[in-house]
Amino acid sequence: SKVERAPSPMMNADMDAVEAENQVELEEKTRLINQVLELQHTLEDLSARVDAVKEENLKLKSENQVLGQYIENLMSASSVFQTTDTKSKRK
């Protein structure tokens, strides 16, 4: 017949140490995973912001071109600017 022995106190201490180490490792992994997820969300937010700024920039460039064209048209229609142009061309 088999004789069952109770685990020695030393063996219990070793198992507790391994368990505690595993727990610490698990907590560290969880912390790192959460940090990675947070960084991913931050990156997504920043990318969306960059896209919005690019879009706004294109809109402003377009408006700027329209205004530039409008100013040119006003200047060419005005005799004040035309005389200034002709004087500068004569030099």
PDB file of N, CA and C in Angstrom:
ATOM      1  N   SER A   1       0.832  -1.206   0.000  1.00  0.00           N
ATOM      2  CA  SER A   1       0.000   0.000   0.000  1.00  0.00           C
ATOM      3  C   SER A   1       0.864   1.252   0.000  1.00  0.00           C
ATOM      4  N   LYS A   2       0.290   2.306  -0.556  1.00  0.00           N
ATOM      5  CA  LYS A   2       1.012   3.573  -0.661  1.00  0.00           C
ATOM      6  C   LYS A   2       0.907   4.368   0.634  1.00  0.00           C
ATOM      7  N   VAL A   3       1.991   4.978   0.996  1.00  0.00           N
ATOM      8  CA  VAL A   3       1.973   5.839   2.182  1.00  0.00           C
ATOM      9  C   VAL A   3       1.925   7.283   1.692  1.00  0.00           C
ATOM     10  N   GLU A   4       0.878   7.996   2.080  1.00  0.00           N
ATOM     11  CA  GLU A   4       0.766   9.386   1.667  1.00  0.00           C
ATOM     12  C   GLU A   4       1.471  10.261   2.674  1.00  0.00           C
ATOM     13  N   ARG A   5       2.332  11.138   2.097  1.00  0.00           N
ATOM     14  CA  ARG A   5       3.047  12.043   3.002  1.00  0.00           C
ATOM     15  C   ARG A   5       2.471  13.457   2.830  1.00  0.00           C
ATOM     16  N   ALA A   6       2.409  14.139   3.924  1.00  0.00           N
ATOM     17  CA  ALA A   6       1.977  15.538   3.860  1.00  0.00           C
ATOM     18  C   ALA A   6       3.119  16.343   3.252  1.00  0.00           C
ATOM     19  N   PRO A   7       2.808  17.330   2.403  1.00  0.00           N
ATOM     20  CA  PRO A   7       3.887  18.129   1.823  1.00  0.00           C
ATOM     21  C   PRO A   7       4.680  18.835   2.924  1.00  0.00           C
ATOM     22  N   SER A   8       5.949  18.893   2.744  1.00  0.00           N
ATOM     23  CA  SER A   8       6.804  19.514   3.755  1.00  0.00           C
ATOM     24  C   SER A   8       6.578  21.020   3.775  1.00  0.00           C
ATOM     25  N   PRO A   9       6.808  21.660   4.907  1.00  0.00           N
ATOM     26  CA  PRO A   9       6.643  23.124   4.991  1.00  0.00           C
ATOM     27  C   PRO A   9       7.531  23.840   3.963  1.00  0.00           C
ATOM     28  N   MET A  10       8.716  23.261   3.691  1.00  0.00           N
ATOM     29  CA  MET A  10       9.637  23.876   2.719  1.00  0.00           C
ATOM     30  C   MET A  10       8.999  23.881   1.327  1.00  0.00           C
ATOM     31  N   MET A  11       8.357  22.784   0.953  1.00  0.00           N
ATOM     32  CA  MET A  11       7.715  22.668  -0.344  1.00  0.00           C
ATOM     33  C   MET A  11       6.566  23.673  -0.464  1.00  0.00           C
ATOM     34  N   ASN A  12       5.809  23.843   0.617  1.00  0.00           N
ATOM     35  CA  ASN A  12       4.718  24.826   0.626  1.00  0.00           C
ATOM     36  C   ASN A  12       5.247  26.239   0.422  1.00  0.00           C
ATOM     37  N   ALA A  13       6.344  26.577   1.056  1.00  0.00           N
ATOM     38  CA  ALA A  13       6.939  27.908   0.949  1.00  0.00           C
ATOM     39  C   ALA A  13       7.398  28.150  -0.494  1.00  0.00           C
ATOM     40  N   ASP A  14       8.003  27.113  -1.087  1.00  0.00           N
ATOM     41  CA  ASP A  14       8.442  27.238  -2.482  1.00  0.00           C
ATOM     42  C   ASP A  14       7.260  27.481  -3.409  1.00  0.00           C
ATOM     43  N   MET A  15       6.188  26.732  -3.197  1.00  0.00           N
ATOM     44  CA  MET A  15       4.998  26.873  -4.044  1.00  0.00           C
ATOM     45  C   MET A  15       4.370  28.249  -3.864  1.00  0.00           C
ATOM     46  N   ASP A  16       4.360  28.746  -2.627  1.00  0.00           N
ATOM     47  CA  ASP A  16       3.826  30.086  -2.365  1.00  0.00           C
ATOM     48  C   ASP A  16       4.655  31.144  -3.081  1.00  0.00           C
ATOM     49  N   ALA A  17       5.968  30.961  -3.071  1.00  0.00           N
ATOM     50  CA  ALA A  17       6.867  31.919  -3.728  1.00  0.00           C
ATOM     51  C   ALA A  17       6.620  31.927  -5.235  1.00  0.00           C
ATOM     52  N   VAL A  18       6.471  30.731  -5.829  1.00  0.00           N
ATOM     53  CA  VAL A  18       6.204  30.614  -7.269  1.00  0.00           C
ATOM     54  C   VAL A  18       4.861  31.264  -7.598  1.00  0.00           C
ATOM     55  N   GLU A  19       3.867  31.002  -6.759  1.00  0.00           N
ATOM     56  CA  GLU A  19       2.529  31.575  -6.966  1.00  0.00           C
ATOM     57  C   GLU A  19       2.571  33.105  -6.885  1.00  0.00           C
ATOM     58  N   ALA A  20       3.311  33.622  -5.908  1.00  0.00           N
ATOM     59  CA  ALA A  20       3.433  35.073  -5.739  1.00  0.00           C
ATOM     60  C   ALA A  20       4.139  35.680  -6.959  1.00  0.00           C
ATOM     61  N   GLU A  21       5.165  34.982  -7.440  1.00  0.00           N
ATOM     62  CA  GLU A  21       5.907  35.447  -8.618  1.00  0.00           C
ATOM     63  C   GLU A  21       4.993  35.477  -9.849  1.00  0.00           C
ATOM     64  N   ASN A  22       4.196  34.428 -10.005  1.00  0.00           N
ATOM     65  CA  ASN A  22       3.242  34.357 -11.123  1.00  0.00           C
ATOM     66  C   ASN A  22       2.227  35.496 -11.047  1.00  0.00           C
ATOM     67  N   GLN A  23       1.786  35.775  -9.826  1.00  0.00           N
ATOM     68  CA  GLN A  23       0.806  36.852  -9.617  1.00  0.00           C
ATOM     69  C   GLN A  23       1.419  38.200 -10.020  1.00  0.00           C
ATOM     70  N   VAL A  24       2.654  38.439  -9.608  1.00  0.00           N
ATOM     71  CA  VAL A  24       3.353  39.691  -9.946  1.00  0.00           C
ATOM     72  C   VAL A  24       3.508  39.800 -11.465  1.00  0.00           C
ATOM     73  N   GLU A  25       3.897  38.680 -12.101  1.00  0.00           N
ATOM     74  CA  GLU A  25       4.081  38.648 -13.553  1.00  0.00           C
ATOM     75  C   GLU A  25       2.760  38.945 -14.271  1.00  0.00           C
ATOM     76  N   LEU A  26       1.683  38.351 -13.778  1.00  0.00           N
ATOM     77  CA  LEU A  26       0.365  38.564 -14.370  1.00  0.00           C
ATOM     78  C   LEU A  26      -0.055  40.026 -14.244  1.00  0.00           C
ATOM     79  N   GLU A  27       0.181  40.622 -13.075  1.00  0.00           N
ATOM     80  CA  GLU A  27      -0.167  42.027 -12.863  1.00  0.00           C
ATOM     81  C   GLU A  27       0.642  42.925 -13.798  1.00  0.00           C
ATOM     82  N   GLU A  28       1.921  42.594 -13.965  1.00  0.00           N
ATOM     83  CA  GLU A  28       2.797  43.372 -14.856  1.00  0.00           C
ATOM     84  C   GLU A  28       2.308  43.279 -16.300  1.00  0.00           C
ATOM     85  N   LYS A  29       1.953  42.061 -16.732  1.00  0.00           N
ATOM     86  CA  LYS A  29       1.438  41.870 -18.099  1.00  0.00           C
ATOM     87  C   LYS A  29       0.150  42.663 -18.297  1.00  0.00           C
ATOM     88  N   THR A  30      -0.736  42.603 -17.329  1.00  0.00           N
ATOM     89  CA  THR A  30      -2.011  43.328 -17.396  1.00  0.00           C
ATOM     90  C   THR A  30      -1.756  44.828 -17.511  1.00  0.00           C
ATOM     91  N   ARG A  31      -0.803  45.317 -16.694  1.00  0.00           N
ATOM     92  CA  ARG A  31      -0.464  46.747 -16.715  1.00  0.00           C
ATOM     93  C   ARG A  31       0.077  47.143 -18.101  1.00  0.00           C
ATOM     94  N   LEU A  32       0.950  46.310 -18.654  1.00  0.00           N
ATOM     95  CA  LEU A  32       1.530  46.599 -19.968  1.00  0.00           C
ATOM     96  C   LEU A  32       0.473  46.572 -21.071  1.00  0.00           C
ATOM     97  N   ILE A  33      -0.422  45.599 -21.004  1.00  0.00           N
ATOM     98  CA  ILE A  33      -1.503  45.499 -22.000  1.00  0.00           C
ATOM     99  C   ILE A  33      -2.373  46.757 -21.950  1.00  0.00           C
ATOM    100  N   ASN A  34      -2.708  47.187 -20.738  1.00  0.00           N
ATOM    101  CA  ASN A  34      -3.533  48.396 -20.588  1.00  0.00           C
ATOM    102  C   ASN A  34      -2.813  49.630 -21.127  1.00  0.00           C
ATOM    103  N   GLN A  35      -1.499  49.671 -20.876  1.00  0.00           N
ATOM    104  CA  GLN A  35      -0.698  50.790 -21.373  1.00  0.00           C
ATOM    105  C   GLN A  35      -0.678  50.794 -22.908  1.00  0.00           C
ATOM    106  N   VAL A  36      -0.508  49.628 -23.509  1.00  0.00           N
ATOM    107  CA  VAL A  36      -0.500  49.508 -24.978  1.00  0.00           C
ATOM    108  C   VAL A  36      -1.846  49.951 -25.551  1.00  0.00           C
ATOM    109  N   LEU A  37      -2.933  49.491 -24.935  1.00  0.00           N
ATOM    110  CA  LEU A  37      -4.270  49.871 -25.417  1.00  0.00           C
ATOM    111  C   LEU A  37      -4.480  51.379 -25.316  1.00  0.00           C
ATOM    112  N   GLU A  38      -4.021  51.958 -24.211  1.00  0.00           N
ATOM    113  CA  GLU A  38      -4.157  53.403 -24.025  1.00  0.00           C
ATOM    114  C   GLU A  38      -3.359  54.153 -25.091  1.00  0.00           C
ATOM    115  N   LEU A  39      -2.151  53.684 -25.381  1.00  0.00           N
ATOM    116  CA  LEU A  39      -1.315  54.309 -26.409  1.00  0.00           C
ATOM    117  C   LEU A  39      -1.950  54.172 -27.797  1.00  0.00           C
ATOM    118  N   GLN A  40      -2.566  53.016 -28.056  1.00  0.00           N
ATOM    119  CA  GLN A  40      -3.255  52.820 -29.340  1.00  0.00           C
ATOM    120  C   GLN A  40      -4.394  53.830 -29.497  1.00  0.00           C
ATOM    121  N   HIS A  41      -5.159  54.025 -28.424  1.00  0.00           N
ATOM    122  CA  HIS A  41      -6.274  54.979 -28.475  1.00  0.00           C
ATOM    123  C   HIS A  41      -5.748  56.399 -28.677  1.00  0.00           C
ATOM    124  N   THR A  42      -4.644  56.723 -27.996  1.00  0.00           N
ATOM    125  CA  THR A  42      -4.044  58.042 -28.151  1.00  0.00           C
ATOM    126  C   THR A  42      -3.608  58.249 -29.594  1.00  0.00           C
ATOM    127  N   LEU A  43      -2.993  57.223 -30.176  1.00  0.00           N
ATOM    128  CA  LEU A  43      -2.540  57.298 -31.566  1.00  0.00           C
ATOM    129  C   LEU A  43      -3.722  57.490 -32.521  1.00  0.00           C
ATOM    130  N   GLU A  44      -4.804  56.751 -32.275  1.00  0.00           N
ATOM    131  CA  GLU A  44      -6.008  56.898 -33.106  1.00  0.00           C
ATOM    132  C   GLU A  44      -6.545  58.330 -33.026  1.00  0.00           C
ATOM    133  N   ASP A  45      -6.587  58.864 -31.791  1.00  0.00           N
ATOM    134  CA  ASP A  45      -7.081  60.232 -31.595  1.00  0.00           C
ATOM    135  C   ASP A  45      -6.197  61.243 -32.328  1.00  0.00           C
ATOM    136  N   LEU A  46      -4.874  61.061 -32.201  1.00  0.00           N
ATOM    137  CA  LEU A  46      -3.944  61.984 -32.859  1.00  0.00           C
ATOM    138  C   LEU A  46      -4.061  61.890 -34.378  1.00  0.00           C
ATOM    139  N   SER A  47      -4.216  60.677 -34.892  1.00  0.00           N
ATOM    140  CA  SER A  47      -4.364  60.491 -36.345  1.00  0.00           C
ATOM    141  C   SER A  47      -5.627  61.187 -36.847  1.00  0.00           C
ATOM    142  N   ALA A  48      -6.707  61.036 -36.105  1.00  0.00           N
ATOM    143  CA  ALA A  48      -7.966  61.689 -36.489  1.00  0.00           C
ATOM    144  C   ALA A  48      -7.797  63.204 -36.473  1.00  0.00           C
ATOM    145  N   ARG A  49      -7.060  63.704 -35.470  1.00  0.00           N
ATOM    146  CA  ARG A  49      -6.827  65.143 -35.373  1.00  0.00           C
ATOM    147  C   ARG A  49      -5.985  65.646 -36.538  1.00  0.00           C
ATOM    148  N   VAL A  50      -4.962  64.881 -36.890  1.00  0.00           N
ATOM    149  CA  VAL A  50      -4.109  65.247 -38.028  1.00  0.00           C
ATOM    150  C   VAL A  50      -4.941  65.301 -39.306  1.00  0.00           C
ATOM    151  N   ASP A  51      -5.799  64.310 -39.497  1.00  0.00           N
ATOM    152  CA  ASP A  51      -6.675  64.295 -40.682  1.00  0.00           C
ATOM    153  C   ASP A  51      -7.579  65.524 -40.717  1.00  0.00           C
ATOM    154  N   ALA A  52      -8.144  65.878 -39.563  1.00  0.00           N
ATOM    155  CA  ALA A  52      -9.034  67.037 -39.485  1.00  0.00           C
ATOM    156  C   ALA A  52      -8.267  68.313 -39.807  1.00  0.00           C
ATOM    157  N   VAL A  53      -7.044  68.427 -39.291  1.00  0.00           N
ATOM    158  CA  VAL A  53      -6.226  69.618 -39.546  1.00  0.00           C
ATOM    159  C   VAL A  53      -5.852  69.703 -41.027  1.00  0.00           C
ATOM    160  N   LYS A  54      -5.515  68.542 -41.631  1.00  0.00           N
ATOM    161  CA  LYS A  54      -5.191  68.518 -43.068  1.00  0.00           C
ATOM    162  C   LYS A  54      -6.384  69.006 -43.889  1.00  0.00           C
ATOM    163  N   GLU A  55      -7.555  68.510 -43.534  1.00  0.00           N
ATOM    164  CA  GLU A  55      -8.781  68.887 -44.247  1.00  0.00           C
ATOM    165  C   GLU A  55      -9.042  70.384 -44.131  1.00  0.00           C
ATOM    166  N   GLU A  56      -8.899  70.897 -42.905  1.00  0.00           N
ATOM    167  CA  GLU A  56      -9.097  72.331 -42.655  1.00  0.00           C
ATOM    168  C   GLU A  56      -8.072  73.147 -43.444  1.00  0.00           C
ATOM    169  N   ASN A  57      -6.841  72.665 -43.488  1.00  0.00           N
ATOM    170  CA  ASN A  57      -5.765  73.339 -44.214  1.00  0.00           C
ATOM    171  C   ASN A  57      -6.087  73.433 -45.711  1.00  0.00           C
ATOM    172  N   LEU A  58      -6.594  72.326 -46.279  1.00  0.00           N
ATOM    173  CA  LEU A  58      -6.981  72.326 -47.699  1.00  0.00           C
ATOM    174  C   LEU A  58      -8.096  73.336 -47.957  1.00  0.00           C
ATOM    175  N   LYS A  59      -9.058  73.374 -47.042  1.00  0.00           N
ATOM    176  CA  LYS A  59     -10.179  74.310 -47.177  1.00  0.00           C
ATOM    177  C   LYS A  59      -9.668  75.754 -47.166  1.00  0.00           C
ATOM    178  N   LEU A  60      -8.765  76.040 -46.214  1.00  0.00           N
ATOM    179  CA  LEU A  60      -8.225  77.394 -46.096  1.00  0.00           C
ATOM    180  C   LEU A  60      -7.378  77.765 -47.316  1.00  0.00           C
ATOM    181  N   LYS A  61      -6.617  76.816 -47.841  1.00  0.00           N
ATOM    182  CA  LYS A  61      -5.825  77.076 -49.053  1.00  0.00           C
ATOM    183  C   LYS A  61      -6.745  77.443 -50.204  1.00  0.00           C
ATOM    184  N   SER A  62      -7.818  76.690 -50.342  1.00  0.00           N
ATOM    185  CA  SER A  62      -8.787  76.930 -51.409  1.00  0.00           C
ATOM    186  C   SER A  62      -9.419  78.317 -51.254  1.00  0.00           C
ATOM    187  N   GLU A  63      -9.823  78.662 -50.025  1.00  0.00           N
ATOM    188  CA  GLU A  63     -10.419  79.976 -49.764  1.00  0.00           C
ATOM    189  C   GLU A  63      -9.414  81.081 -50.078  1.00  0.00           C
ATOM    190  N   ASN A  64      -8.148  80.824 -49.719  1.00  0.00           N
ATOM    191  CA  ASN A  64      -7.087  81.800 -49.957  1.00  0.00           C
ATOM    192  C   ASN A  64      -6.912  82.060 -51.458  1.00  0.00           C
ATOM    193  N   GLN A  65      -6.977  81.001 -52.260  1.00  0.00           N
ATOM    194  CA  GLN A  65      -6.864  81.144 -53.713  1.00  0.00           C
ATOM    195  C   GLN A  65      -8.018  81.985 -54.268  1.00  0.00           C
ATOM    196  N   VAL A  66      -9.217  81.696 -53.771  1.00  0.00           N
ATOM    197  CA  VAL A  66     -10.401  82.437 -54.225  1.00  0.00           C
ATOM    198  C   VAL A  66     -10.244  83.918 -53.874  1.00  0.00           C
ATOM    199  N   LEU A  67      -9.795  84.192 -52.640  1.00  0.00           N
ATOM    200  CA  LEU A  67      -9.610  85.585 -52.224  1.00  0.00           C
ATOM    201  C   LEU A  67      -8.517  86.266 -53.044  1.00  0.00           C
ATOM    202  N   GLY A  68      -7.440  85.531 -53.307  1.00  0.00           N
ATOM    203  CA  GLY A  68      -6.352  86.077 -54.127  1.00  0.00           C
ATOM    204  C   GLY A  68      -6.844  86.455 -55.511  1.00  0.00           C
ATOM    205  N   GLN A  69      -7.648  85.586 -56.105  1.00  0.00           N
ATOM    206  CA  GLN A  69      -8.219  85.835 -57.433  1.00  0.00           C
ATOM    207  C   GLN A  69      -9.153  87.043 -57.402  1.00  0.00           C
ATOM    208  N   TYR A  70      -9.952  87.111 -56.342  1.00  0.00           N
ATOM    209  CA  TYR A  70     -10.892  88.232 -56.171  1.00  0.00           C
ATOM    210  C   TYR A  70     -10.145  89.558 -56.081  1.00  0.00           C
ATOM    211  N   ILE A  71      -9.063  89.572 -55.288  1.00  0.00           N
ATOM    212  CA  ILE A  71      -8.258  90.791 -55.127  1.00  0.00           C
ATOM    213  C   ILE A  71      -7.621  91.182 -56.466  1.00  0.00           C
ATOM    214  N   GLU A  72      -7.100  90.195 -57.177  1.00  0.00           N
ATOM    215  CA  GLU A  72      -6.513  90.471 -58.506  1.00  0.00           C
ATOM    216  C   GLU A  72      -7.549  91.094 -59.431  1.00  0.00           C
ATOM    217  N   ASN A  73      -8.749  90.540 -59.433  1.00  0.00           N
ATOM    218  CA  ASN A  73      -9.829  91.067 -60.280  1.00  0.00           C
ATOM    219  C   ASN A  73     -10.186  92.503 -59.898  1.00  0.00           C
ATOM    220  N   LEU A  74     -10.261  92.766 -58.598  1.00  0.00           N
ATOM    221  CA  LEU A  74     -10.562  94.128 -58.140  1.00  0.00           C
ATOM    222  C   LEU A  74      -9.470  95.096 -58.571  1.00  0.00           C
ATOM    223  N   MET A  75      -8.215  94.658 -58.426  1.00  0.00           N
ATOM    224  CA  MET A  75      -7.089  95.522 -58.791  1.00  0.00           C
ATOM    225  C   MET A  75      -7.073  95.802 -60.290  1.00  0.00           C
ATOM    226  N   SER A  76      -7.363  94.791 -61.102  1.00  0.00           N
ATOM    227  CA  SER A  76      -7.336  95.002 -62.561  1.00  0.00           C
ATOM    228  C   SER A  76      -8.517  95.872 -63.009  1.00  0.00           C
ATOM    229  N   ALA A  77      -9.603  95.855 -62.229  1.00  0.00           N
ATOM    230  CA  ALA A  77     -10.776  96.661 -62.588  1.00  0.00           C
ATOM    231  C   ALA A  77     -10.619  98.109 -62.126  1.00  0.00           C
ATOM    232  N   SER A  78      -9.659  98.351 -61.232  1.00  0.00           N
ATOM    233  CA  SER A  78      -9.497  99.688 -60.674  1.00  0.00           C
ATOM    234  C   SER A  78      -8.443 100.471 -61.439  1.00  0.00           C
ATOM    235  N   SER A  79      -8.784 101.715 -61.807  1.00  0.00           N
ATOM    236  CA  SER A  79      -7.840 102.551 -62.557  1.00  0.00           C
ATOM    237  C   SER A  79      -6.643 102.943 -61.686  1.00  0.00           C
ATOM    238  N   VAL A  80      -6.849 103.053 -60.394  1.00  0.00           N
ATOM    239  CA  VAL A  80      -5.754 103.417 -59.476  1.00  0.00           C
ATOM    240  C   VAL A  80      -4.601 102.425 -59.615  1.00  0.00           C
ATOM    241  N   PHE A  81      -4.930 101.139 -59.593  1.00  0.00           N
ATOM    242  CA  PHE A  81      -3.885 100.115 -59.674  1.00  0.00           C
ATOM    243  C   PHE A  81      -3.321 100.006 -61.091  1.00  0.00           C
ATOM    244  N   GLN A  82      -4.146 100.284 -62.073  1.00  0.00           N
ATOM    245  CA  GLN A  82      -3.677 100.178 -63.472  1.00  0.00           C
ATOM    246  C   GLN A  82      -2.625 101.245 -63.759  1.00  0.00           C
ATOM    247  N   THR A  83      -2.848 102.468 -63.273  1.00  0.00           N
ATOM    248  CA  THR A  83      -1.872 103.530 -63.510  1.00  0.00           C
ATOM    249  C   THR A  83      -0.553 103.203 -62.785  1.00  0.00           C
ATOM    250  N   THR A  84      -0.658 102.641 -61.608  1.00  0.00           N
ATOM    251  CA  THR A  84       0.547 102.246 -60.868  1.00  0.00           C
ATOM    252  C   THR A  84       1.285 101.182 -61.660  1.00  0.00           C
ATOM    253  N   ASP A  85       0.548 100.224 -62.247  1.00  0.00           N
ATOM    254  CA  ASP A  85       1.150  99.158 -63.051  1.00  0.00           C
ATOM    255  C   ASP A  85       1.893  99.753 -64.248  1.00  0.00           C
ATOM    256  N   THR A  86       1.242 100.696 -64.960  1.00  0.00           N
ATOM    257  CA  THR A  86       1.848 101.245 -66.171  1.00  0.00           C
ATOM    258  C   THR A  86       3.077 102.078 -65.834  1.00  0.00           C
ATOM    259  N   LYS A  87       3.022 102.816 -64.728  1.00  0.00           N
ATOM    260  CA  LYS A  87       4.180 103.596 -64.314  1.00  0.00           C
ATOM    261  C   LYS A  87       5.372 102.679 -64.013  1.00  0.00           C
ATOM    262  N   SER A  88       5.088 101.585 -63.302  1.00  0.00           N
ATOM    263  CA  SER A  88       6.180 100.684 -62.932  1.00  0.00           C
ATOM    264  C   SER A  88       6.712  99.959 -64.151  1.00  0.00           C
ATOM    265  N   LYS A  89       5.867  99.747 -65.160  1.00  0.00           N
ATOM    266  CA  LYS A  89       6.313  99.054 -66.381  1.00  0.00           C
ATOM    267  C   LYS A  89       7.188  99.984 -67.241  1.00  0.00           C
ATOM    268  N   ARG A  90       6.944 101.297 -67.164  1.00  0.00           N
ATOM    269  CA  ARG A  90       7.696 102.251 -67.991  1.00  0.00           C
ATOM    270  C   ARG A  90       9.156 102.349 -67.546  1.00  0.00           C
ATOM    271  N   LYS A  91       9.400 102.121 -66.250  1.00  0.00           N
ATOM    272  CA  LYS A  91      10.772 102.274 -65.725  1.00  0.00           C
ATOM    273  C   LYS A  91      11.754 101.394 -66.448  1.00  0.00           C
TER     274      LYS A  91
END
